[in-house]
Structure formats: C-alpha cells, structure tokens
Protein backbone atom coordinates (compact mmCIF):
# COMPACT_ATOMS: atom_id res chain seq x y z
CA MET A 1 -35.93 -6.62 9.72
CA ALA A 2 -34.44 -7.39 6.32
CA ASP A 3 -36.18 -6.41 3.10
CA SER A 4 -36.71 -8.72 0.19
CA ASP A 5 -35.17 -6.22 -2.20
CA PRO A 6 -31.63 -5.26 -1.04
CA ASN A 7 -31.69 -2.12 -3.18
CA VAL A 8 -34.66 -0.61 -1.28
CA PHE A 9 -33.75 1.67 1.60
CA LEU A 10 -35.07 0.21 4.81
CA GLY A 11 -35.32 3.47 6.75
CA ALA A 12 -38.48 4.79 5.05
CA ARG A 13 -40.78 2.52 7.04
CA ALA A 14 -42.65 3.34 10.23
CA PRO A 15 -40.67 3.99 13.41
CA GLU A 16 -39.92 1.12 15.76
CA SER A 17 -41.81 0.67 18.96
CA SER A 18 -40.40 1.68 22.32
CA GLU A 19 -39.67 -1.97 23.11
CA ASP A 20 -37.50 -2.24 20.03
CA LEU A 21 -35.63 0.93 20.94
CA LEU A 22 -34.96 -0.30 24.46
CA CYS A 23 -33.84 -3.81 23.56
CA SER A 24 -30.25 -4.69 24.31
CA ARG A 25 -27.44 -4.51 21.81
CA GLU A 26 -26.72 -8.21 22.26
CA SER A 27 -30.24 -9.23 21.29
CA ARG A 28 -30.13 -6.96 18.22
CA GLU A 29 -26.88 -8.51 17.08
CA ARG A 30 -28.26 -12.01 17.61
CA MET A 31 -31.34 -11.21 15.52
CA MET A 32 -29.26 -9.68 12.73
CA GLN A 33 -26.94 -12.67 12.63
CA GLU A 34 -29.90 -15.01 12.33
CA GLU A 35 -31.35 -12.89 9.53
CA SER A 36 -28.04 -12.74 7.68
CA ILE A 37 -27.72 -16.53 7.89
CA GLU A 38 -31.26 -16.94 6.56
CA ALA A 39 -30.54 -14.47 3.76
CA ASP A 40 -27.40 -16.36 2.75
CA GLU A 41 -29.26 -19.70 2.54
CA PRO A 42 -30.87 -20.29 -0.88
CA SER A 43 -34.63 -20.42 -0.99
CA PRO A 44 -36.03 -23.88 -1.76
CA THR A 45 -38.34 -22.42 -4.38
CA SER A 46 -35.71 -20.33 -6.15
CA PRO A 47 -33.21 -21.92 -8.54
CA ALA A 48 -29.56 -21.93 -7.62
CA THR A 49 -27.60 -19.12 -9.18
CA PRO A 50 -24.62 -20.13 -11.30
CA ALA A 51 -21.15 -19.39 -9.98
CA THR A 52 -19.46 -16.34 -11.38
CA SER A 53 -15.92 -16.20 -12.72
CA SER A 54 -14.71 -14.14 -9.75
CA THR A 55 -11.96 -15.84 -7.77
CA THR A 56 -13.28 -14.67 -4.40
CA PRO A 57 -15.00 -17.40 -2.31
CA GLU A 58 -18.21 -15.39 -1.85
CA GLU A 59 -19.48 -12.54 -3.97
CA ARG A 60 -21.56 -10.66 -1.42
CA ARG A 61 -21.82 -10.43 2.35
CA THR A 62 -23.97 -8.81 5.02
CA TRP A 63 -22.06 -6.82 7.62
CA SER A 64 -23.95 -6.42 10.90
CA TRP A 65 -23.91 -3.54 13.36
CA GLN A 66 -21.53 -0.89 12.07
CA THR A 67 -21.13 2.28 14.13
CA ILE A 68 -20.04 5.77 13.13
CA GLU A 69 -19.46 8.22 15.98
CA VAL A 70 -18.25 11.84 15.89
CA SER A 71 -17.99 14.68 18.38
CA GLU A 72 -20.34 17.66 18.30
CA ILE A 73 -17.70 19.81 16.57
CA GLN A 74 -17.32 17.37 13.67
CA THR A 75 -19.42 16.60 10.60
CA LEU A 76 -21.00 13.16 10.37
CA GLN A 77 -20.97 11.61 6.89
CA LEU A 78 -22.54 8.19 6.34
CA GLY A 79 -22.33 6.92 2.77
CA PRO A 80 -23.15 7.09 -0.02
CA PHE A 81 -22.25 3.49 -0.67
CA GLU A 82 -21.68 1.59 -3.88
CA ALA A 83 -24.58 0.81 -6.17
CA GLY A 84 -26.47 -2.28 -5.05
CA ALA A 85 -25.49 -2.08 -1.38
CA SER A 86 -28.28 -1.58 1.16
CA CYS A 87 -27.97 0.48 4.35
CA GLU A 88 -30.28 0.06 7.31
CA ILE A 89 -30.01 2.59 10.15
CA LEU A 90 -30.66 0.65 13.36
CA ARG A 91 -30.27 3.33 16.00
CA ALA A 92 -29.02 6.90 16.30
CA TRP A 93 -28.57 9.18 19.29
CA TYR A 94 -27.06 12.54 20.26
CA GLY A 95 -25.72 13.29 23.72
CA VAL A 96 -23.28 11.95 26.30
CA ALA A 97 -21.92 8.51 25.48
CA SER A 98 -21.57 7.36 29.09
CA ASP A 99 -24.99 8.61 30.23
CA PRO A 100 -28.06 7.19 28.40
CA LYS A 101 -30.31 9.65 30.25
CA ARG A 102 -28.45 12.48 28.51
CA GLN A 103 -29.08 11.11 25.00
CA VAL A 104 -31.68 12.21 22.47
CA ASP A 105 -33.07 9.55 20.12
CA ALA A 106 -32.29 10.59 16.53
CA THR A 107 -33.15 7.32 14.78
CA LEU A 108 -36.24 8.49 12.90
CA HIS A 109 -34.61 11.70 11.68
CA CYS A 110 -31.52 9.89 10.39
CA ARG A 111 -33.63 7.29 8.59
CA ASN A 112 -35.70 9.92 6.82
CA ALA A 113 -32.66 12.07 5.99
CA TYR A 114 -30.64 9.22 4.49
CA SER A 115 -30.51 8.97 0.70
CA ASN A 116 -28.95 6.28 -1.48
CA ALA A 117 -27.50 8.99 -3.72
CA THR A 118 -26.03 11.33 -1.10
CA GLY A 119 -25.98 9.29 2.11
CA LEU A 120 -26.48 11.04 5.46
CA THR A 121 -24.74 14.33 6.28
CA LEU A 122 -25.02 16.11 9.64
CA ARG A 123 -22.87 19.21 10.06
CA ARG A 124 -21.67 20.49 13.40
CA GLY A 125 -24.20 23.31 13.46
CA ASP A 126 -27.14 20.97 12.85
CA TYR A 127 -27.04 18.98 16.09
CA TYR A 128 -28.31 21.72 18.39
CA LYS A 129 -30.98 22.85 15.89
CA LEU A 130 -32.34 19.33 15.40
CA PHE A 131 -31.94 17.69 18.80
CA GLY A 132 -31.47 20.54 21.29
CA ASP A 133 -28.93 20.39 24.12
CA PRO A 134 -29.46 17.25 26.24
CA ALA A 135 -26.38 17.93 28.41
CA PRO A 136 -25.40 21.60 28.85
CA LEU A 137 -21.71 22.30 29.35
CA ARG A 138 -20.77 18.70 28.63
CA ILE A 139 -19.02 17.13 25.65
CA LYS A 140 -21.55 15.43 23.40
CA LYS A 141 -21.35 12.98 20.51
CA MET A 142 -23.45 11.94 17.53
CA SER A 143 -23.66 8.19 17.02
CA VAL A 144 -25.33 6.19 14.24
CA GLU A 145 -25.54 2.41 14.30
CA TYR A 146 -26.33 0.81 10.94
CA ARG A 147 -26.05 -2.36 8.94
CA LEU A 148 -24.79 -2.81 5.39
CA GLY A 149 -26.03 -5.59 3.17
CA ASN A 150 -25.29 -6.90 -0.30
CA VAL A 151 -21.64 -5.77 -0.14
CA LYS A 152 -19.30 -7.26 -2.70
CA THR A 153 -16.34 -8.93 -1.02
CA TRP A 154 -13.89 -7.88 -3.71
CA ASP A 155 -14.82 -4.26 -2.96
CA VAL A 156 -13.49 -4.50 0.62
CA SER A 157 -9.85 -3.75 1.37
CA THR A 158 -8.10 -5.44 4.29
CA THR A 159 -5.06 -3.15 4.41
CA ARG A 160 -4.24 -1.05 7.48
CA TYR A 161 -4.87 2.70 7.28
CA ASP A 162 -2.46 4.78 9.35
CA ASN A 163 -3.72 8.10 10.75
CA SER A 164 -0.83 8.90 13.10
CA LEU A 165 1.26 12.07 13.09
CA SER A 166 4.21 10.08 11.72
CA MET A 167 2.72 10.59 8.26
CA VAL A 168 3.23 14.36 8.37
CA PRO A 169 7.02 14.33 7.75
CA VAL A 170 6.51 11.90 4.86
CA MET A 171 3.89 14.18 3.33
CA CYS A 172 6.24 17.15 3.57
CA ALA A 173 9.07 15.17 2.00
CA LYS A 174 6.80 14.03 -0.83
CA ALA A 175 5.64 17.57 -1.48
CA PHE A 176 9.25 18.62 -1.96
CA SER A 177 10.12 15.59 -4.10
CA ASN A 178 7.02 16.16 -6.24
CA VAL A 179 8.21 19.66 -7.11
CA LEU A 180 11.49 18.14 -8.22
CA GLY A 181 9.76 15.30 -10.09
CA VAL A 182 7.35 17.60 -11.94
CA SER A 183 10.26 19.82 -12.98
CA VAL A 184 12.16 16.84 -14.35
CA ALA A 185 9.08 15.50 -16.16
CA ALA A 186 8.30 18.89 -17.71
CA SER A 187 11.90 19.31 -18.84
CA GLY A 188 11.95 15.81 -20.30
CA TYR A 189 8.69 16.48 -22.11
CA ALA A 190 10.01 19.70 -23.65
CA VAL A 191 13.31 18.14 -24.74
CA GLY A 192 11.63 14.98 -26.02
CA LYS A 193 9.04 16.92 -28.02
CA ALA A 194 11.76 19.04 -29.63
CA LEU A 195 13.87 16.04 -30.62
CA VAL A 196 10.86 14.13 -31.97
CA SER A 197 9.82 17.15 -34.03
CA LEU A 198 13.30 17.29 -35.60
CA GLN A 199 13.21 13.56 -36.36
CA ASN A 200 9.76 13.77 -37.92
CA PHE A 201 10.85 16.73 -40.05
CA ALA A 202 13.57 14.60 -41.67
CA ALA A 203 11.54 11.35 -41.85
CA ASP A 204 8.59 10.29 -43.95
CA ALA A 205 5.01 10.16 -42.73
CA ASP A 206 4.98 6.40 -42.08
CA SER A 207 7.95 6.54 -39.69
CA SER A 208 6.81 9.63 -37.75
CA GLN A 209 6.85 9.34 -33.98
CA GLY A 210 5.22 11.04 -31.01
CA VAL A 211 6.63 12.37 -27.79
CA ALA A 212 5.67 9.08 -26.13
CA ASP A 213 8.35 7.40 -28.27
CA SER A 214 11.07 9.66 -26.88
CA THR A 215 13.49 7.91 -24.51
CA ILE A 216 14.19 11.19 -22.74
CA PHE A 217 10.50 11.74 -21.98
CA GLN A 218 10.06 8.14 -20.80
CA THR A 219 13.05 8.46 -18.46
CA ALA A 220 11.79 11.77 -17.07
CA PHE A 221 8.33 10.29 -16.49
CA SER A 222 9.87 7.33 -14.65
CA THR A 223 11.89 9.75 -12.52
CA TRP A 224 8.68 11.52 -11.49
CA LEU A 225 7.23 8.18 -10.34
CA ARG A 226 10.36 7.47 -8.31
CA CYS A 227 10.01 10.87 -6.65
CA ASN A 228 6.56 9.72 -5.49
CA GLY A 229 8.05 6.56 -4.01
CA ILE A 230 6.68 4.25 -6.73
CA PHE A 231 9.12 1.44 -7.54
CA PRO A 232 7.82 -1.21 -9.95
CA SER A 233 9.64 -4.48 -10.67
CA VAL A 234 8.90 -6.22 -13.98
CA THR A 235 9.51 -9.77 -15.18
CA TYR A 236 8.85 -10.93 -18.74
CA ASP A 237 7.94 -14.50 -19.60
CA PRO A 238 9.85 -15.77 -22.64
CA ILE A 239 7.96 -15.91 -25.91
CA PRO A 240 8.09 -19.49 -27.26
CA GLY A 241 8.98 -19.89 -30.93
CA SER A 242 9.74 -16.21 -31.50
CA SER A 243 12.95 -14.31 -32.07
CA SER A 244 11.44 -11.08 -30.72
CA SER A 245 12.53 -9.75 -27.38
CA SER A 246 10.14 -10.55 -24.54
CA GLU A 247 10.52 -6.95 -23.33
CA ASP A 248 9.14 -5.55 -26.58
CA MET A 249 5.63 -4.39 -25.68
CA ARG A 250 4.79 -3.28 -29.22
CA LEU A 251 4.22 -6.75 -30.64
CA THR A 252 0.44 -6.57 -30.19
CA PRO A 253 -2.04 -3.70 -30.66
CA ILE A 254 -3.59 -4.22 -27.18
CA ILE A 255 -2.20 -4.74 -23.68
CA VAL A 256 -4.60 -6.06 -21.02
CA SER A 257 -4.00 -5.96 -17.27
CA ASN A 258 -5.84 -6.37 -14.00
CA HIS A 259 -6.92 -3.17 -12.27
CA VAL A 260 -6.25 -2.43 -8.57
CA CYS A 261 -5.98 1.34 -8.08
CA TYR A 262 -5.43 4.76 -9.67
CA LEU A 263 -1.68 4.16 -9.87
CA ASP A 264 -2.00 1.30 -12.37
CA GLY A 265 -2.32 3.48 -15.45
CA MET A 266 0.68 5.69 -14.61
CA VAL A 267 2.90 2.79 -13.57
CA LEU A 268 2.14 0.63 -16.61
CA ALA A 269 2.46 3.65 -18.90
CA SER A 270 5.95 4.19 -17.52
CA VAL A 271 7.00 0.55 -17.64
CA PHE A 272 5.52 -0.15 -21.08
CA HIS A 273 6.92 3.05 -22.65
CA SER A 274 3.77 5.17 -22.77
CA PRO A 275 1.02 3.19 -24.48
CA LYS A 276 -2.28 4.81 -25.36
CA ILE A 277 -4.93 4.90 -22.64
CA ILE A 278 -8.71 5.36 -22.74
CA ALA A 279 -9.80 8.17 -20.39
CA MET A 280 -13.03 9.98 -19.60
CA LYS A 281 -14.13 12.86 -21.76
CA GLY A 282 -12.64 16.21 -20.74
CA THR A 283 -9.18 14.88 -19.86
CA LEU A 284 -7.63 16.68 -22.83
CA ASN A 285 -9.10 19.99 -21.57
CA VAL A 286 -7.40 19.83 -18.17
CA PRO A 287 -4.58 22.41 -17.92
CA VAL A 288 -1.07 20.96 -18.28
CA ILE A 289 -2.29 17.37 -17.97
CA GLY A 290 -4.32 17.74 -21.16
CA ILE A 291 -1.20 18.66 -23.12
CA PHE A 292 0.59 15.54 -21.90
CA ALA A 293 -2.47 13.39 -22.58
CA GLN A 294 -2.88 14.70 -26.10
CA ASP A 295 0.74 14.08 -27.05
CA ILE A 296 0.75 10.62 -25.48
CA GLY A 297 -2.37 9.67 -27.43
CA VAL A 298 -5.10 9.39 -24.79
CA ILE A 299 -8.46 8.34 -26.25
CA GLU A 300 -11.48 10.11 -24.71
CA VAL A 301 -14.80 8.40 -24.04
CA ASP A 302 -17.92 10.03 -22.57
CA ARG A 303 -18.83 7.59 -19.79
CA SER A 304 -21.90 9.58 -18.81
CA ASP A 305 -23.42 8.75 -22.16
CA PRO A 306 -25.69 5.67 -22.01
CA LYS A 307 -23.99 4.54 -25.19
CA SER A 308 -20.49 4.83 -23.69
CA ARG A 309 -19.88 1.08 -23.94
CA ALA A 310 -20.48 1.17 -27.67
CA ALA A 311 -18.30 4.27 -27.94
CA THR A 312 -15.48 2.48 -26.09
CA ILE A 313 -15.65 -0.49 -28.43
CA LYS A 314 -15.65 1.88 -31.41
CA ALA A 315 -12.51 3.62 -30.05
CA ILE A 316 -10.77 0.24 -29.61
CA GLU A 317 -11.67 -0.86 -33.14
CA ASP A 318 -10.41 2.44 -34.59
CA HIS A 319 -7.10 2.00 -32.79
CA VAL A 320 -6.71 -1.57 -34.02
CA ALA A 321 -7.54 -0.56 -37.60
CA GLY A 322 -4.81 2.10 -37.64
CA TRP A 323 -2.20 0.15 -35.68
CA LYS A 324 1.01 -1.13 -37.25
CA PRO A 325 3.83 -3.22 -35.73
CA GLN A 326 6.13 -1.22 -33.42
CA ARG A 327 3.47 1.46 -32.99
CA GLN A 328 1.95 2.46 -29.66
CA PRO A 329 -0.31 -0.25 -28.23
CA LEU A 330 -3.51 0.46 -26.32
CA LEU A 331 -3.57 -0.34 -22.58
CA LEU A 332 -6.94 -1.65 -21.34
CA PHE A 333 -8.30 -2.92 -18.03
CA PRO A 334 -10.94 -5.48 -19.06
CA GLU A 335 -12.31 -5.80 -15.50
CA GLY A 336 -13.85 -2.35 -15.94
CA THR A 337 -13.29 -1.34 -12.30
CA THR A 338 -10.83 -1.65 -9.45
CA SER A 339 -10.84 -4.36 -6.79
CA ASN A 340 -8.88 -5.34 -3.67
CA GLY A 341 -6.37 -7.18 -5.86
CA GLN A 342 -6.91 -10.60 -4.27
CA GLY A 343 -8.32 -11.98 -7.51
CA LEU A 344 -9.46 -11.06 -11.01
CA LEU A 345 -13.03 -10.00 -11.75
CA GLU A 346 -14.98 -11.11 -14.78
CA PHE A 347 -13.69 -9.50 -18.00
CA LYS A 348 -15.78 -7.27 -20.19
CA LYS A 349 -15.69 -8.16 -23.85
CA GLY A 350 -14.65 -4.75 -25.24
CA ALA A 351 -10.92 -5.49 -25.51
CA PHE A 352 -11.59 -8.76 -27.30
CA VAL A 353 -14.18 -7.68 -29.86
CA PRO A 354 -11.59 -6.87 -32.60
CA GLY A 355 -10.26 -10.44 -32.34
CA VAL A 356 -6.59 -9.42 -32.49
CA PRO A 357 -3.69 -10.71 -30.32
CA VAL A 358 -3.34 -9.17 -26.87
CA ARG A 359 -0.42 -8.99 -24.42
CA PRO A 360 -1.58 -9.97 -20.90
CA ALA A 361 0.07 -8.55 -17.79
CA VAL A 362 -0.72 -9.03 -14.10
CA LEU A 363 0.37 -6.84 -11.19
CA CYS A 364 0.47 -7.12 -7.42
CA TYR A 365 1.34 -4.42 -4.87
CA THR A 366 3.89 -5.44 -2.25
CA GLY A 367 4.35 -2.37 -0.02
CA SER A 368 3.37 -1.94 3.62
CA TRP A 369 0.16 -0.19 2.52
CA ASP A 370 -2.02 -1.71 -0.21
CA PRO A 371 -3.32 1.15 -2.40
CA ALA A 372 -6.35 -0.80 -3.66
CA ASN A 373 -9.23 1.55 -4.57
CA THR A 374 -12.26 -0.03 -2.95
CA SER A 375 -15.47 1.34 -1.49
CA TYR A 376 -14.88 -0.16 1.97
CA ARG A 377 -12.17 -1.34 4.29
CA THR A 378 -12.16 -3.50 7.38
CA THR A 379 -11.09 -1.91 10.66
CA GLY A 380 -8.95 -3.51 13.35
CA ASP A 381 -12.03 -4.79 15.18
CA GLY A 382 -13.48 -6.40 12.04
CA LYS A 383 -16.04 -3.71 11.21
CA LEU A 384 -16.71 -2.25 7.81
CA GLU A 385 -15.90 1.37 7.02
CA ALA A 386 -16.54 3.34 3.84
CA ILE A 387 -13.49 5.10 2.36
CA GLY A 388 -13.26 7.87 -0.20
CA ASP A 389 -10.73 9.35 -2.58
CA ALA A 390 -9.58 12.00 -0.09
CA GLU A 391 -8.69 9.40 2.53
CA TRP A 392 -6.95 7.27 -0.11
CA ALA A 393 -4.90 10.27 -1.28
CA GLY A 394 -3.86 11.02 2.30
CA GLN A 395 -2.64 7.46 2.80
CA PHE A 396 -0.75 7.56 -0.50
CA LEU A 397 1.05 10.75 0.45
CA GLY A 398 1.66 9.54 4.00
CA HIS A 399 3.49 6.36 2.98
CA ALA A 400 6.99 6.79 1.61
CA PHE A 401 7.25 3.80 -0.73
CA HIS A 402 4.84 1.91 -2.99
CA SER A 403 6.39 -1.18 -4.51
CA LEU A 404 4.72 -3.60 -6.89
CA GLN A 405 5.52 -6.66 -8.97
CA ILE A 406 4.47 -6.91 -12.63
CA ARG A 407 4.54 -10.10 -14.67
CA VAL A 408 4.17 -9.86 -18.43
CA LEU A 409 2.91 -12.97 -20.23
CA PRO A 410 3.63 -13.91 -23.87
CA PRO A 411 1.23 -12.56 -26.52
CA TYR A 412 -2.07 -14.41 -26.64
CA HIS A 413 -3.13 -15.23 -30.20
CA PRO A 414 -6.83 -16.05 -30.48
CA SER A 415 -8.13 -19.08 -32.29
CA GLU A 416 -10.78 -18.84 -34.99
CA ALA A 417 -13.47 -19.71 -32.46
CA GLU A 418 -12.25 -16.99 -30.12
CA LYS A 419 -12.20 -14.44 -32.92
CA GLN A 420 -15.85 -15.18 -33.61
CA ASP A 421 -16.85 -15.19 -29.93
CA PRO A 422 -15.46 -12.27 -27.85
CA LEU A 423 -16.90 -13.72 -24.64
CA LEU A 424 -15.04 -16.99 -25.18
CA TYR A 425 -11.88 -15.05 -25.98
CA ALA A 426 -12.25 -12.97 -22.80
CA ALA A 427 -12.93 -16.06 -20.66
CA ASN A 428 -9.83 -17.89 -21.92
CA VAL A 429 -7.55 -14.88 -21.41
CA HIS A 430 -9.10 -14.42 -17.97
CA LYS A 431 -8.26 -18.03 -17.11
CA ALA A 432 -4.62 -17.61 -18.16
CA MET A 433 -4.24 -14.32 -16.30
CA THR A 434 -5.94 -15.68 -13.16
CA ARG A 435 -3.45 -18.55 -13.04
CA ALA A 436 -0.50 -16.15 -13.56
CA HIS A 437 -1.86 -13.74 -10.95
CA ALA A 438 -2.19 -16.51 -8.36
CA GLU A 439 1.38 -17.62 -9.06
CA LEU A 440 2.60 -14.03 -8.75
CA ARG A 441 0.85 -13.54 -5.40
CA GLN A 442 2.26 -16.83 -4.15
CA GLU A 443 5.75 -15.79 -5.23
CA VAL A 444 5.38 -12.42 -3.53
CA SER A 445 4.20 -14.07 -0.30
CA LYS A 446 7.11 -16.53 -0.41
CA LYS A 447 9.61 -13.71 -0.88
CA ALA A 448 8.08 -11.79 2.01
CA VAL A 449 8.42 -14.82 4.31
CA GLU A 450 12.01 -15.40 3.20
CA ALA A 451 12.82 -11.74 3.72
CA ARG A 452 11.45 -11.88 7.27
CA GLN A 453 13.42 -15.04 7.98
CA HIS A 454 16.59 -13.57 6.54
CA SER A 455 16.08 -10.41 8.54
CA ILE A 456 15.68 -12.45 11.74
CA GLN A 457 18.79 -14.47 10.90
CA ALA A 458 20.66 -11.30 10.07
CA TYR A 459 19.68 -9.73 13.38
CA ALA A 460 20.68 -12.92 15.22
CA GLN A 461 24.03 -13.02 13.44
CA LYS A 462 24.60 -9.37 14.25
CA GLY A 463 23.76 -10.06 17.89
CA VAL A 464 26.17 -13.01 18.06
CA GLY A 465 28.84 -10.98 16.33
CA ALA A 466 28.36 -8.11 18.76
CA VAL A 467 28.68 -10.47 21.75
CA GLU A 468 31.80 -12.04 20.29
CA ASP A 469 33.34 -8.63 19.63
CA ALA A 470 32.57 -7.51 23.17
CA TRP A 471 34.07 -10.71 24.61
CA ASN A 472 37.20 -10.32 22.49
CA LYS A 473 37.57 -6.74 23.67
CA VAL A 474 37.19 -7.82 27.32
CA THR A 475 39.75 -10.62 27.02
CA THR A 476 42.18 -8.38 25.13
CA SER A 477 41.87 -5.68 27.77
CA ALA A 478 42.40 -8.22 30.59
CA ASN A 479 45.50 -9.67 28.90
CA ALA A 480 46.89 -6.20 28.35
CA LEU A 481 46.28 -5.31 31.99
CA LEU A 482 48.04 -8.45 33.21
CA CYS A 483 51.01 -7.79 30.92
CA ASN A 484 51.25 -4.21 32.16
CA ASN A 485 51.23 -5.38 35.81
CA SER A 486 54.02 -7.92 35.24
CA GLN A 487 56.12 -5.34 33.43
CA ALA A 488 55.55 -2.86 36.25
CA GLU A 489 56.73 -5.42 38.83
CA LYS A 490 59.88 -6.11 36.84
CA ALA A 491 60.60 -2.42 36.52
CA THR A 492 60.15 -1.98 40.28
CA SER A 493 62.53 -4.84 41.11
CA ASN A 494 65.15 -3.48 38.71
CA SER A 495 64.96 -0.04 40.29
CA ARG A 496 65.79 -1.53 43.76
CA GLY A 497 69.16 -2.93 42.57
CA PRO A 498 70.67 -6.48 43.01
CA LEU A 499 69.51 -8.73 45.82
CA VAL A 500 71.73 -8.60 49.00
CA PRO A 501 71.87 -11.42 51.63
CA ARG A 502 70.25 -10.73 54.95
CA GLY A 503 73.55 -10.86 56.89
CA ALA A 504 75.14 -8.45 54.46
CA ARG A 505 72.16 -6.12 54.83
CA ALA A 506 72.64 -6.11 58.63
CA SER A 507 76.32 -5.34 58.20
CA LEU A 508 75.46 -2.49 55.87
CA ARG A 509 72.96 -1.10 58.32
CA GLY A 510 75.56 -1.34 61.06
CA SER A 511 78.14 0.42 58.93
CA ARG A 512 75.63 3.21 58.23
CA LYS A 513 75.03 3.63 61.93
CA ILE A 514 78.80 3.69 62.63
CA LYS A 515 79.24 6.31 59.88
CA ARG A 516 76.79 8.55 61.66
CA GLY A 517 78.91 8.35 64.85
CA ALA A 518 82.14 10.22 65.52
CA ASN A 519 84.26 7.33 66.95
CA PRO A 520 87.09 6.58 64.53
CA ARG A 521 87.74 3.19 66.13
CA MET A 522 84.23 1.94 65.43
CA GLN A 523 84.49 3.31 61.90
CA SER A 524 87.60 1.25 61.23
CA GLN A 525 85.90 -1.92 62.59
CA ALA A 526 82.93 -1.37 60.34
CA ASN A 527 85.11 -0.93 57.31
CA SER A 528 86.93 -4.18 58.12
CA LEU A 529 83.60 -6.04 58.47
CA ALA A 530 82.38 -4.71 55.13
CA SER A 531 85.55 -5.81 53.36
CA GLU A 532 85.20 -9.42 54.56
CA PRO A 533 83.69 -11.85 51.99
C-alpha cells in the first residue's frame, strides 16, 4: 500500500476492491504497521545514509491510521501538510457513525479531491450535494481515515492544547491588557524618538543613535510583552579574559539563537535591547508595524525570490561591513525554521559566511503550554493532528503566562580555519549551543521537579500547621470551659453563705416554725435554744 516515492500522492490510483473496503480496521492497522516497519528498515542494496546533526533520535516517522471527523454542519479540512510529507486516504464515509448501513462510501471522491498544495476541503453545504442524504432526520458525520508518512519528528509538538471554555476569561483579560500595552509601547516610542532626535541634533554623525537605543522605548516594549503574559528570565555566562560586562550584547555584530516559535524574535529583541532582525519583504509597508520596524532597523528579504538565500547572505555581509562596536547587532536564527524545541536543527551557513565573532544564545520555554510552532501535534490518544496559525494564536491568547529561560554564552571567535570554511564554523557553534541547550533543558527540568516537591512539602506543612492550630484552639477552649465551670461553682457556694452544722440547721428550722406560730412560750424556748453554743 506504500509508494516508493513518499512525495507522490497515493490517492490517484485505482479504487480498492470491495474486499478491501470491507476488511476490518484491525487488519488494516496490522498491515500498515508491517509496511511501516519494512519502510524503516534499510534496503540491503541501498547504502546507509549518514546521520544528520539533528539531536532527535529519528528524523522521520510514519504515523498510521489518523482520523478526522466532523458533523454535517462543520467544514472538514485535511491538510495541507508540510513539504515532503505524504498523505494516504484509507477510507472515508458520510452518514451515521453508529449505523454502517446508513453510511455512504466517500473514499474515491476524497482521494481525487485531495491536493498536496491545498489539502482536502469539504464545506457543510457540499455533503448533501456529493453524497445525498443516507439518513433523513438524523445527525450525520463526515469521517476521513488517513495515514501520514515521512513526517519529521522535530516538527511534531507534544504539548497539550486546551479547548475548554476556561480560556475565554483569559482571552478577554488579554484583550484589555493588550490595549494598555499597545498604548504604553506607542507612548514610549514617541518619547524615545523625540529624545533620540534631540541627542542626534547635538551629536556628530558617528555617535548618532536610533530609537532602538532609547531606554524609554526599550522599557515600554518590555511592558507590552508583560501585558501579554510573556516573562523571560536571562542568565549570562561570564566572558573569560575580558573586562567587558557579560550583559553587553553589542560586543559582536551577530547574535545567533535557536528558533522555537513566533515569540522568539519579540522576546529576544526586548531582552537584547532591540537588535536588527531580518524579515520578509513588505514588513516595512505594514501600517503602524512598518514604522516601528523601520526605526528599529529591520532588514527586508524577498523569500519568494529563488535567489533569496543569496540576498540574505548579502544583507548579512552589508550589516557586518557597516557595523562598529556598541552598535546594533543583527539577530539571526541559523536553523532557518522553527522546531519543537527538544533539540537544535542543523545550522545554515548564512550567519557564518562573514567569518566574524558571534554571540550564541539558547532559549527554552517553561510555561504550562509550549508555544512551539510545528506542523503537527500529538493528541491524548497518541494520534497525529495538523495545527495551523489560527489554532496556535487561540492557544497563545487563552493561556495567561508564557515563561522562558534564556542562556547567553560568551562570544565565539572563529579560528582561521573556521573563517575560511563557513560550514565548519556553523558546525562548531552548533556543537557548543547544543551542549548549552541540553544543560539548560536539564536545569529547567530539575527546577520543575524541585518546585513540585517544594509545593508538596509546603502543602503538607500547611496541613500539619492547620491541624496543630485546630488542636490548640480545641484545648484552649476546653481549658477555658473548665475554668469557667470551677469559677461558677465557687460563686454559687459563696452566694449560699457560710456552712452551718446539721444540728444547727434543724434548730434554725425549728425556730422558723415557732416564729410562724402565735404561742409566746414556744417562742421563748426557741430563742433560748438558738442562743446556746
């Protein structure tokens, strides 16, 4: 069932027989697993391919039996997938999920309608036109079972995507905070531009500065990131044999970093005090953003041009030729694309062609949601699911905080051999950054474990403290109650007067009785008895 060329779409062949369509799901999965194992084993006639510099254990993988299912009032969108990945539609049907007799086979139509460039799109009005109504007055679904092959493992994210209603309040709060953040950033930009213009008016041409050098603008830009819940933490490795501060990011003309998601450029621009960035052509023409980009010093490159790689290298060389110490460096991502952040991809040579020192930096996201920009993600049941920019943006807005750790290494000065060979230079920097990135991820994991342990200990201590406080309150209340009872008994005994002997009490009772009578003789006898000791 597998093709020899993974880039050829497998759905353009003849339809399967009725036996194939009626075979069980278990047998299909068993066949696909056998084929994937055979595809992974190297052919005895083909030479072994050399290992790449990627840190992931396997570069590509075949994912068997993926399913996308929508209701009849929803649009089905399958793909398009990344370049090089193959998609084979195994089975498709429209109808009632629990009743196979009420299902229409749509396999052939979906195979013919699928395109590597646009994928497969079925809108809610298309189902009835294409497949009729197999179950009148019943809720129907459209289901497509497919298999993806030749998927790069570093292009698969393992983070959890939350689609619950709990994200709505966070989105509303972020919308409000963004209004505040944009206002602060715009105000900081205006004030910073005015102050820089005054400084440049009084200074010479060599010491002129841009708005990116303004501390007010940098602070305002950082405030806007905080309003979006982005909180970076930076550590700087000491620079051996140098009196310069390790936090000075203007010691080299180029800064290189690994690339995980769309946030990297904004975060590093804020942390490294607004370095120059290479962006696609047309960025400077975007309203509002283009003004910021132009003043910061964004370099445009037409990536649609087949010669864009040469144009990028030319832009880097022009920046290096005009750079002076303490001027804006150029921030580059030598991987050339984003990954799941679990390792570093092979570096392109563009950043290392000039042969000048570079300042390496590695980053790792530590929040509850990993914002890695990948083409796929794994679901809770281990299946593969394609993700797009709209879904990524929704998850970003729906999570309140996005924390990350950044480690800045000392400047890397190339040797003579590295200056002559950009690929050697890139490989050596890649090796140093890979080691630092692994150490950073290990440190982040260790801190996360310690934080969980401390939180458990803290909860346990709070629980013990609460029990002790409750016990102390109980014992204090009991002691107070006992003291109050003893005091009440004493007060009662005092109110009754001094103790009188029993014989005297009888005499007193007798005297009281005699007093009630009218016999004066008995009264005198009672008085005499009371006066006796």
